[in-house]
């Protein structure tokens, strides 16, 4: 929840009616999220986000008109502090990096558990990054500056293992 127990105000932008309708019904159920606007394409996402000034914009990467990245770029010109969580079906090489360079704080798959989506929204609202592990792994595998060993270590963190290095090893 946002400060003072007030629900996080969210604009939800996705071109798929079923996903938009399902998420706009599911997300507010526990009272921590309030849907303040819906958009079905990139142009509408820009207008609705600028009009409603949500705490978090949850936006699909692939939409007609402007795609999610183009819409976010335009929104951030008007509202530079807008917090954004991007939804995607596919983590194509370079897309994650472009989104992060643009200022997107979160990146999550449409196949994620709804509880993970709620957590991602809350994290992004508080200014933290949230990148789903499988998206990060796919992006790193396709466009990675990491060595194979570093990628292996990253995979271990997904399973909850620590990557802390003992001070005497440095």
C-alpha atoms as a PDB file:
ATOM      1  CA  UNK A   1       0.000   0.000   0.000  1.00  0.00           C
ATOM      2  CA  UNK A   2       1.040   3.547  -0.510  1.00  0.00           C
ATOM      3  CA  UNK A   3       1.645   5.923   2.372  1.00  0.00           C
ATOM      4  CA  UNK A   4      -1.094   6.093   4.963  1.00  0.00           C
ATOM      5  CA  UNK A   5      -2.861   2.913   3.845  1.00  0.00           C
ATOM      6  CA  UNK A   6      -4.116   4.507   0.636  1.00  0.00           C
ATOM      7  CA  UNK A   7      -4.254   2.062  -2.298  1.00  0.00           C
ATOM      8  CA  UNK A   8      -1.677   2.395  -5.062  1.00  0.00           C
ATOM      9  CA  UNK A   9      -3.353   4.195  -7.965  1.00  0.00           C
ATOM     10  CA  UNK A  10      -2.759   2.308 -11.235  1.00  0.00           C
ATOM     11  CA  UNK A  11      -3.419   2.917 -14.907  1.00  0.00           C
ATOM     12  CA  UNK A  12      -3.546  -0.384 -16.786  1.00  0.00           C
ATOM     13  CA  UNK A  13      -2.721  -0.332 -20.515  1.00  0.00           C
ATOM     14  CA  UNK A  14      -3.045  -3.526 -22.559  1.00  0.00           C
ATOM     15  CA  UNK A  15      -4.523  -4.073 -26.013  1.00  0.00           C
ATOM     16  CA  UNK A  16      -5.979  -7.467 -25.067  1.00  0.00           C
ATOM     17  CA  UNK A  17      -9.466  -6.944 -23.628  1.00  0.00           C
ATOM     18  CA  UNK A  18      -9.464 -10.202 -21.675  1.00  0.00           C
ATOM     19  CA  UNK A  19      -6.180  -9.409 -19.917  1.00  0.00           C
ATOM     20  CA  UNK A  20      -7.203  -5.801 -19.265  1.00  0.00           C
ATOM     21  CA  UNK A  21     -10.573  -6.882 -17.839  1.00  0.00           C
ATOM     22  CA  UNK A  22      -9.118  -9.715 -15.760  1.00  0.00           C
ATOM     23  CA  UNK A  23      -6.357  -7.604 -14.249  1.00  0.00           C
ATOM     24  CA  UNK A  24      -8.661  -4.670 -13.561  1.00  0.00           C
ATOM     25  CA  UNK A  25     -10.910  -7.082 -11.630  1.00  0.00           C
ATOM     26  CA  UNK A  26      -8.177  -9.100  -9.853  1.00  0.00           C
ATOM     27  CA  UNK A  27      -5.702  -6.410  -8.804  1.00  0.00           C
ATOM     28  CA  UNK A  28      -8.047  -4.377  -6.554  1.00  0.00           C
ATOM     29  CA  UNK A  29      -9.377  -7.428  -4.664  1.00  0.00           C
ATOM     30  CA  UNK A  30      -7.161  -7.086  -1.587  1.00  0.00           C
ATOM     31  CA  UNK A  31      -7.626  -3.319  -1.339  1.00  0.00           C
ATOM     32  CA  UNK A  32      -3.963  -2.381  -1.939  1.00  0.00           C
ATOM     33  CA  UNK A  33      -4.440  -1.349  -5.582  1.00  0.00           C
ATOM     34  CA  UNK A  34      -6.987   0.958  -7.180  1.00  0.00           C
ATOM     35  CA  UNK A  35      -7.408   0.985 -10.965  1.00  0.00           C
ATOM     36  CA  UNK A  36      -7.919   4.630 -11.955  1.00  0.00           C
ATOM     37  CA  UNK A  37      -7.752   4.247 -15.733  1.00  0.00           C
ATOM     38  CA  UNK A  38      -7.656   1.749 -18.571  1.00  0.00           C
ATOM     39  CA  UNK A  39      -6.144   2.014 -22.044  1.00  0.00           C
ATOM     40  CA  UNK A  40      -6.282  -0.294 -25.059  1.00  0.00           C
ATOM     41  CA  UNK A  41      -3.407   1.098 -27.148  1.00  0.00           C
ATOM     42  CA  UNK A  42      -0.307   3.223 -26.835  1.00  0.00           C
ATOM     43  CA  UNK A  43      -1.915   6.526 -27.754  1.00  0.00           C
ATOM     44  CA  UNK A  44      -4.718   5.985 -25.248  1.00  0.00           C
ATOM     45  CA  UNK A  45      -2.142   4.971 -22.604  1.00  0.00           C
ATOM     46  CA  UNK A  46      -0.426   8.332 -23.005  1.00  0.00           C
ATOM     47  CA  UNK A  47      -3.681  10.286 -22.708  1.00  0.00           C
ATOM     48  CA  UNK A  48      -5.087   8.305 -19.761  1.00  0.00           C
ATOM     49  CA  UNK A  49      -1.797   8.364 -17.844  1.00  0.00           C
ATOM     50  CA  UNK A  50      -1.315  12.102 -18.290  1.00  0.00           C
ATOM     51  CA  UNK A  51      -4.959  12.705 -17.351  1.00  0.00           C
ATOM     52  CA  UNK A  52      -5.019  10.492 -14.219  1.00  0.00           C
ATOM     53  CA  UNK A  53      -1.389  10.831 -13.010  1.00  0.00           C
ATOM     54  CA  UNK A  54      -1.322   7.342 -11.441  1.00  0.00           C
ATOM     55  CA  UNK A  55       1.207   6.151  -8.886  1.00  0.00           C
ATOM     56  CA  UNK A  56       2.143   3.336 -11.298  1.00  0.00           C
ATOM     57  CA  UNK A  57       1.528   2.776 -14.987  1.00  0.00           C
ATOM     58  CA  UNK A  58       1.266  -0.930 -15.859  1.00  0.00           C
ATOM     59  CA  UNK A  59       1.723  -1.090 -19.625  1.00  0.00           C
ATOM     60  CA  UNK A  60       1.993  -3.821 -22.239  1.00  0.00           C
ATOM     61  CA  UNK A  61       5.148  -3.763 -24.337  1.00  0.00           C
ATOM     62  CA  UNK A  62       3.420  -4.667 -27.607  1.00  0.00           C
ATOM     63  CA  UNK A  63       0.371  -2.574 -28.512  1.00  0.00           C
ATOM     64  CA  UNK A  64      -1.073  -1.027 -31.647  1.00  0.00           C
ATOM     65  CA  UNK A  65      -0.319   2.580 -32.508  1.00  0.00           C
ATOM     66  CA  UNK A  66       2.539   3.425 -30.195  1.00  0.00           C
ATOM     67  CA  UNK A  67       4.148   0.388 -28.584  1.00  0.00           C
ATOM     68  CA  UNK A  68       4.744   0.397 -24.840  1.00  0.00           C
ATOM     69  CA  UNK A  69       8.243   1.860 -25.103  1.00  0.00           C
ATOM     70  CA  UNK A  70       7.116   4.688 -27.393  1.00  0.00           C
ATOM     71  CA  UNK A  71       4.183   5.485 -25.106  1.00  0.00           C
ATOM     72  CA  UNK A  72       6.395   5.484 -22.009  1.00  0.00           C
ATOM     73  CA  UNK A  73       8.920   7.785 -23.708  1.00  0.00           C
ATOM     74  CA  UNK A  74       6.158  10.295 -24.475  1.00  0.00           C
ATOM     75  CA  UNK A  75       4.651  10.027 -20.984  1.00  0.00           C
ATOM     76  CA  UNK A  76       8.025  10.621 -19.320  1.00  0.00           C
ATOM     77  CA  UNK A  77       8.461  13.861 -21.269  1.00  0.00           C
ATOM     78  CA  UNK A  78       5.240  15.122 -19.637  1.00  0.00           C
ATOM     79  CA  UNK A  79       5.611  13.341 -16.286  1.00  0.00           C
ATOM     80  CA  UNK A  80       9.302  12.584 -15.689  1.00  0.00           C
ATOM     81  CA  UNK A  81       8.678  10.940 -12.305  1.00  0.00           C
ATOM     82  CA  UNK A  82       6.026   8.515 -13.563  1.00  0.00           C
ATOM     83  CA  UNK A  83       6.717   5.005 -12.266  1.00  0.00           C
ATOM     84  CA  UNK A  84       6.296   2.284 -14.885  1.00  0.00           C
ATOM     85  CA  UNK A  85       5.904  -1.490 -14.790  1.00  0.00           C
ATOM     86  CA  UNK A  86       6.073  -3.113 -18.220  1.00  0.00           C
ATOM     87  CA  UNK A  87       4.170  -6.293 -19.106  1.00  0.00           C
ATOM     88  CA  UNK A  88       5.410  -8.606 -21.836  1.00  0.00           C
ATOM     89  CA  UNK A  89       4.970 -12.047 -23.330  1.00  0.00           C
ATOM     90  CA  UNK A  90       8.528 -12.156 -24.700  1.00  0.00           C
ATOM     91  CA  UNK A  91      11.832 -10.766 -23.496  1.00  0.00           C
ATOM     92  CA  UNK A  92      13.536 -10.048 -26.801  1.00  0.00           C
ATOM     93  CA  UNK A  93      17.220  -9.118 -26.812  1.00  0.00           C
ATOM     94  CA  UNK A  94      17.768  -5.458 -26.143  1.00  0.00           C
ATOM     95  CA  UNK A  95      14.176  -4.686 -25.104  1.00  0.00           C
ATOM     96  CA  UNK A  96      14.902  -4.908 -21.394  1.00  0.00           C
ATOM     97  CA  UNK A  97      17.934  -2.646 -21.754  1.00  0.00           C
ATOM     98  CA  UNK A  98      15.953  -0.077 -23.781  1.00  0.00           C
ATOM     99  CA  UNK A  99      13.153  -0.126 -21.196  1.00  0.00           C
ATOM    100  CA  UNK A 100      15.575   0.351 -18.306  1.00  0.00           C
ATOM    101  CA  UNK A 101      17.434   3.114 -20.162  1.00  0.00           C
ATOM    102  CA  UNK A 102      14.103   4.835 -20.670  1.00  0.00           C
ATOM    103  CA  UNK A 103      13.351   4.766 -16.937  1.00  0.00           C
ATOM    104  CA  UNK A 104      11.049   1.750 -16.623  1.00  0.00           C
ATOM    105  CA  UNK A 105      11.443   0.344 -13.094  1.00  0.00           C
ATOM    106  CA  UNK A 106       9.725  -3.008 -13.532  1.00  0.00           C
ATOM    107  CA  UNK A 107       9.462  -5.716 -16.152  1.00  0.00           C
ATOM    108  CA  UNK A 108       7.159  -8.714 -15.681  1.00  0.00           C
ATOM    109  CA  UNK A 109       5.683 -11.476 -17.814  1.00  0.00           C
ATOM    110  CA  UNK A 110       1.984 -11.758 -18.565  1.00  0.00           C
ATOM    111  CA  UNK A 111       2.353 -15.377 -17.454  1.00  0.00           C
ATOM    112  CA  UNK A 112       3.296 -14.304 -13.906  1.00  0.00           C
ATOM    113  CA  UNK A 113       1.330 -15.188 -10.814  1.00  0.00           C
ATOM    114  CA  UNK A 114      -1.108 -12.363  -9.911  1.00  0.00           C
ATOM    115  CA  UNK A 115       0.522 -12.128  -6.463  1.00  0.00           C
ATOM    116  CA  UNK A 116       3.867 -11.436  -8.162  1.00  0.00           C
ATOM    117  CA  UNK A 117       2.224  -8.698 -10.198  1.00  0.00           C
ATOM    118  CA  UNK A 118       0.841  -7.096  -7.032  1.00  0.00           C
ATOM    119  CA  UNK A 119       4.294  -7.282  -5.416  1.00  0.00           C
ATOM    120  CA  UNK A 120       5.895  -5.813  -8.545  1.00  0.00           C
ATOM    121  CA  UNK A 121       3.414  -2.905  -8.537  1.00  0.00           C
ATOM    122  CA  UNK A 122       4.099  -2.231  -4.858  1.00  0.00           C
ATOM    123  CA  UNK A 123       7.880  -2.374  -5.369  1.00  0.00           C
ATOM    124  CA  UNK A 124       7.769  -0.069  -8.387  1.00  0.00           C
ATOM    125  CA  UNK A 125       5.502   2.289  -6.451  1.00  0.00           C
ATOM    126  CA  UNK A 126       8.132   2.486  -3.706  1.00  0.00           C
ATOM    127  CA  UNK A 127      10.827   3.287  -6.300  1.00  0.00           C
ATOM    128  CA  UNK A 128      12.450  -0.152  -6.386  1.00  0.00           C
ATOM    129  CA  UNK A 129      13.274  -2.216  -9.467  1.00  0.00           C
ATOM    130  CA  UNK A 130      11.378  -5.423 -10.192  1.00  0.00           C
ATOM    131  CA  UNK A 131      12.506  -7.640 -13.043  1.00  0.00           C
ATOM    132  CA  UNK A 132      11.118 -11.156 -13.297  1.00  0.00           C
ATOM    133  CA  UNK A 133      13.980 -13.667 -13.116  1.00  0.00           C
ATOM    134  CA  UNK A 134      13.117 -15.482 -16.351  1.00  0.00           C
ATOM    135  CA  UNK A 135      12.951 -12.181 -18.246  1.00  0.00           C
ATOM    136  CA  UNK A 136      16.297 -11.101 -16.842  1.00  0.00           C
ATOM    137  CA  UNK A 137      17.855 -14.468 -17.679  1.00  0.00           C
ATOM    138  CA  UNK A 138      16.491 -14.456 -21.224  1.00  0.00           C
ATOM    139  CA  UNK A 139      17.666 -10.902 -21.831  1.00  0.00           C
ATOM    140  CA  UNK A 140      21.087 -11.616 -20.365  1.00  0.00           C
ATOM    141  CA  UNK A 141      21.507 -14.839 -22.325  1.00  0.00           C
ATOM    142  CA  UNK A 142      20.751 -13.099 -25.614  1.00  0.00           C
ATOM    143  CA  UNK A 143      22.596  -9.834 -25.040  1.00  0.00           C
ATOM    144  CA  UNK A 144      24.889 -10.404 -22.106  1.00  0.00           C
ATOM    145  CA  UNK A 145      28.108  -8.776 -21.035  1.00  0.00           C
ATOM    146  CA  UNK A 146      28.325 -11.460 -18.312  1.00  0.00           C
ATOM    147  CA  UNK A 147      30.547 -14.510 -18.439  1.00  0.00           C
ATOM    148  CA  UNK A 148      28.954 -17.971 -18.387  1.00  0.00           C
ATOM    149  CA  UNK A 149      29.953 -18.286 -14.718  1.00  0.00           C
ATOM    150  CA  UNK A 150      28.302 -14.964 -13.847  1.00  0.00           C
ATOM    151  CA  UNK A 151      25.109 -16.109 -15.584  1.00  0.00           C
ATOM    152  CA  UNK A 152      25.249 -19.344 -13.543  1.00  0.00           C
ATOM    153  CA  UNK A 153      25.530 -17.306 -10.338  1.00  0.00           C
ATOM    154  CA  UNK A 154      22.562 -15.179 -11.428  1.00  0.00           C
ATOM    155  CA  UNK A 155      20.519 -18.344 -11.971  1.00  0.00           C
ATOM    156  CA  UNK A 156      21.353 -19.506  -8.439  1.00  0.00           C
ATOM    157  CA  UNK A 157      19.835 -16.311  -7.008  1.00  0.00           C
ATOM    158  CA  UNK A 158      16.542 -17.251  -8.657  1.00  0.00           C
ATOM    159  CA  UNK A 159      16.466 -20.335  -6.442  1.00  0.00           C
ATOM    160  CA  UNK A 160      17.073 -18.229  -3.331  1.00  0.00           C
ATOM    161  CA  UNK A 161      20.783 -18.849  -2.899  1.00  0.00           C
ATOM    162  CA  UNK A 162      22.990 -16.000  -1.713  1.00  0.00           C
ATOM    163  CA  UNK A 163      25.688 -14.606  -3.947  1.00  0.00           C
ATOM    164  CA  UNK A 164      27.517 -12.856  -1.145  1.00  0.00           C
ATOM    165  CA  UNK A 165      31.237 -13.301  -1.334  1.00  0.00           C
ATOM    166  CA  UNK A 166      33.072 -13.851   1.980  1.00  0.00           C
ATOM    167  CA  UNK A 167      35.308 -10.886   2.810  1.00  0.00           C
ATOM    168  CA  UNK A 168      38.453 -13.045   2.846  1.00  0.00           C
ATOM    169  CA  UNK A 169      37.890 -14.126  -0.807  1.00  0.00           C
ATOM    170  CA  UNK A 170      38.069 -10.683  -2.398  1.00  0.00           C
END
